[in-house]
Amino acid sequence: GWLIQNSGTCNWSVGFHLVLIGGNTNFGGDTFAIRLPSAVVLPGVIAEISLHLVAPNKPGTYEARYQMYTNQDIPFGTGMTVAIEVRK
C-alpha cells in the first residue's frame, strides 16, 4: 500500500480509481478501484491506499505506472509507479 496525501482542493470519494498508463506489466489489472479508509478523504489528509497486485511468474524487472482518476473519470495528480524484481 501507499500513504498518499490529498494535496488538492477537492475531496476524494467512493469511485476514485487507478488506471494503468504505462510500464511493462499490469500486475493483474488495468484499472483498480481505490478502497478509501473512509467515505471521504478531505484535502490535506493522508490516506492509506492498498491494491491487490499479482507479480508475474517469469523472472525479470517489472514496472507499472498508474494515474488516479475521479469518480467522473477525470485524471488528476502526478501518478504512481510500482516496480519489482522477480527472482528465480
C-alpha atoms as a PDB file:
ATOM      1  CA  GLY A   1       0.000   0.000   0.000  1.00  0.00           C
ATOM      2  CA  TRP A   2       0.849   3.660  -0.166  1.00  0.00           C
ATOM      3  CA  LEU A   3       0.412   6.643   2.088  1.00  0.00           C
ATOM      4  CA  ILE A   4      -0.887   9.396  -0.189  1.00  0.00           C
ATOM      5  CA  GLN A   5      -1.756  12.935   0.822  1.00  0.00           C
ATOM      6  CA  ASN A   6      -4.685  14.698  -0.783  1.00  0.00           C
ATOM      7  CA  SER A   7      -2.790  17.878  -1.657  1.00  0.00           C
ATOM      8  CA  GLY A   8      -5.596  19.238  -3.835  1.00  0.00           C
ATOM      9  CA  THR A   9      -8.684  21.269  -3.060  1.00  0.00           C
ATOM     10  CA  CYS A  10     -11.349  18.587  -3.719  1.00  0.00           C
ATOM     11  CA  ASN A  11     -12.472  15.663  -1.584  1.00  0.00           C
ATOM     12  CA  TRP A  12     -11.650  12.120  -2.700  1.00  0.00           C
ATOM     13  CA  SER A  13     -14.687   9.868  -2.529  1.00  0.00           C
ATOM     14  CA  VAL A  14     -16.087   6.469  -3.472  1.00  0.00           C
ATOM     15  CA  GLY A  15     -15.482   5.668  -7.137  1.00  0.00           C
ATOM     16  CA  PHE A  16     -11.973   7.099  -7.360  1.00  0.00           C
ATOM     17  CA  HIS A  17      -9.687   4.641  -9.152  1.00  0.00           C
ATOM     18  CA  LEU A  18      -6.214   3.988 -10.553  1.00  0.00           C
ATOM     19  CA  VAL A  19      -5.723   3.363 -14.284  1.00  0.00           C
ATOM     20  CA  LEU A  20      -2.648   1.773 -15.861  1.00  0.00           C
ATOM     21  CA  ILE A  21      -0.939   4.359 -18.087  1.00  0.00           C
ATOM     22  CA  GLY A  22       2.473   2.768 -18.743  1.00  0.00           C
ATOM     23  CA  GLY A  23       5.077   0.185 -17.882  1.00  0.00           C
ATOM     24  CA  ASN A  24       5.816  -3.380 -18.959  1.00  0.00           C
ATOM     25  CA  THR A  25       3.171  -5.214 -16.884  1.00  0.00           C
ATOM     26  CA  ASN A  26      -0.260  -4.575 -15.407  1.00  0.00           C
ATOM     27  CA  PHE A  27       0.139  -6.568 -12.141  1.00  0.00           C
ATOM     28  CA  GLY A  28      -3.223  -8.240 -12.686  1.00  0.00           C
ATOM     29  CA  GLY A  29      -5.423  -5.404 -13.924  1.00  0.00           C
ATOM     30  CA  ASP A  30      -5.641  -2.232 -15.979  1.00  0.00           C
ATOM     31  CA  THR A  31      -7.961  -0.464 -13.524  1.00  0.00           C
ATOM     32  CA  PHE A  32      -8.127  -0.730  -9.740  1.00  0.00           C
ATOM     33  CA  ALA A  33     -10.893   0.652  -7.551  1.00  0.00           C
ATOM     34  CA  ILE A  34      -9.445   2.532  -4.616  1.00  0.00           C
ATOM     35  CA  ARG A  35     -10.802   1.430  -1.265  1.00  0.00           C
ATOM     36  CA  LEU A  36     -10.505   4.585   0.792  1.00  0.00           C
ATOM     37  CA  PRO A  37     -10.085   4.352   4.576  1.00  0.00           C
ATOM     38  CA  SER A  38     -13.247   6.455   4.999  1.00  0.00           C
ATOM     39  CA  ALA A  39     -16.122   7.630   2.778  1.00  0.00           C
ATOM     40  CA  VAL A  40     -14.271  10.887   2.017  1.00  0.00           C
ATOM     41  CA  VAL A  41     -10.613  11.943   2.131  1.00  0.00           C
ATOM     42  CA  LEU A  42     -10.502  15.685   2.745  1.00  0.00           C
ATOM     43  CA  PRO A  43      -7.795  17.992   1.328  1.00  0.00           C
ATOM     44  CA  GLY A  44      -4.632  17.796   3.424  1.00  0.00           C
ATOM     45  CA  VAL A  45      -5.447  14.334   4.819  1.00  0.00           C
ATOM     46  CA  ILE A  46      -3.097  11.375   4.309  1.00  0.00           C
ATOM     47  CA  ALA A  47      -4.844   8.187   3.235  1.00  0.00           C
ATOM     48  CA  GLU A  48      -3.500   4.646   3.100  1.00  0.00           C
ATOM     49  CA  ILE A  49      -4.389   3.078  -0.245  1.00  0.00           C
ATOM     50  CA  SER A  50      -3.890  -0.647  -0.840  1.00  0.00           C
ATOM     51  CA  LEU A  51      -4.218  -2.704  -4.010  1.00  0.00           C
ATOM     52  CA  HIS A  52      -4.076  -6.429  -4.632  1.00  0.00           C
ATOM     53  CA  LEU A  53      -1.315  -6.761  -7.247  1.00  0.00           C
ATOM     54  CA  VAL A  54      -0.168 -10.010  -8.858  1.00  0.00           C
ATOM     55  CA  ALA A  55       3.533 -10.420  -9.690  1.00  0.00           C
ATOM     56  CA  PRO A  56       4.479 -12.067 -12.992  1.00  0.00           C
ATOM     57  CA  ASN A  57       5.803 -15.650 -12.766  1.00  0.00           C
ATOM     58  CA  LYS A  58       8.765 -15.110 -15.086  1.00  0.00           C
ATOM     59  CA  PRO A  59      11.990 -13.674 -13.578  1.00  0.00           C
ATOM     60  CA  GLY A  60      12.707 -10.085 -14.546  1.00  0.00           C
ATOM     61  CA  THR A  61      12.214  -6.448 -13.609  1.00  0.00           C
ATOM     62  CA  TYR A  62       8.658  -5.166 -13.900  1.00  0.00           C
ATOM     63  CA  GLU A  63       7.146  -1.716 -13.646  1.00  0.00           C
ATOM     64  CA  ALA A  64       3.674  -0.246 -13.954  1.00  0.00           C
ATOM     65  CA  ARG A  65       2.632   3.401 -13.807  1.00  0.00           C
ATOM     66  CA  TYR A  66      -0.838   4.319 -12.573  1.00  0.00           C
ATOM     67  CA  GLN A  67      -2.803   7.557 -12.739  1.00  0.00           C
ATOM     68  CA  MET A  68      -5.528   8.478 -10.254  1.00  0.00           C
ATOM     69  CA  TYR A  69      -8.978   9.292 -11.671  1.00  0.00           C
ATOM     70  CA  THR A  70     -12.043  10.797 -10.024  1.00  0.00           C
ATOM     71  CA  ASN A  71     -15.416   9.082  -9.900  1.00  0.00           C
ATOM     72  CA  GLN A  72     -16.217  11.111 -13.053  1.00  0.00           C
ATOM     73  CA  ASP A  73     -13.181   9.670 -14.948  1.00  0.00           C
ATOM     74  CA  ILE A  74     -11.118  12.867 -14.714  1.00  0.00           C
ATOM     75  CA  PRO A  75      -7.369  12.224 -14.275  1.00  0.00           C
ATOM     76  CA  PHE A  76      -5.507  14.152 -11.570  1.00  0.00           C
ATOM     77  CA  GLY A  77      -2.215  14.157  -9.694  1.00  0.00           C
ATOM     78  CA  THR A  78       1.239  13.066 -10.774  1.00  0.00           C
ATOM     79  CA  GLY A  79       0.677   9.309 -10.851  1.00  0.00           C
ATOM     80  CA  MET A  80       2.355   6.425  -9.052  1.00  0.00           C
ATOM     81  CA  THR A  81       4.881   3.822 -10.135  1.00  0.00           C
ATOM     82  CA  VAL A  82       5.193   0.248  -8.876  1.00  0.00           C
ATOM     83  CA  ALA A  83       8.463  -1.547  -9.612  1.00  0.00           C
ATOM     84  CA  ILE A  84       9.549  -5.036  -8.575  1.00  0.00           C
ATOM     85  CA  GLU A  85      12.157  -7.642  -9.411  1.00  0.00           C
ATOM     86  CA  VAL A  86      11.041 -11.261  -9.696  1.00  0.00           C
ATOM     87  CA  ARG A  87      13.858 -13.706  -8.994  1.00  0.00           C
ATOM     88  CA  LYS A  88      14.117 -17.393  -9.775  1.00  0.00           C
END
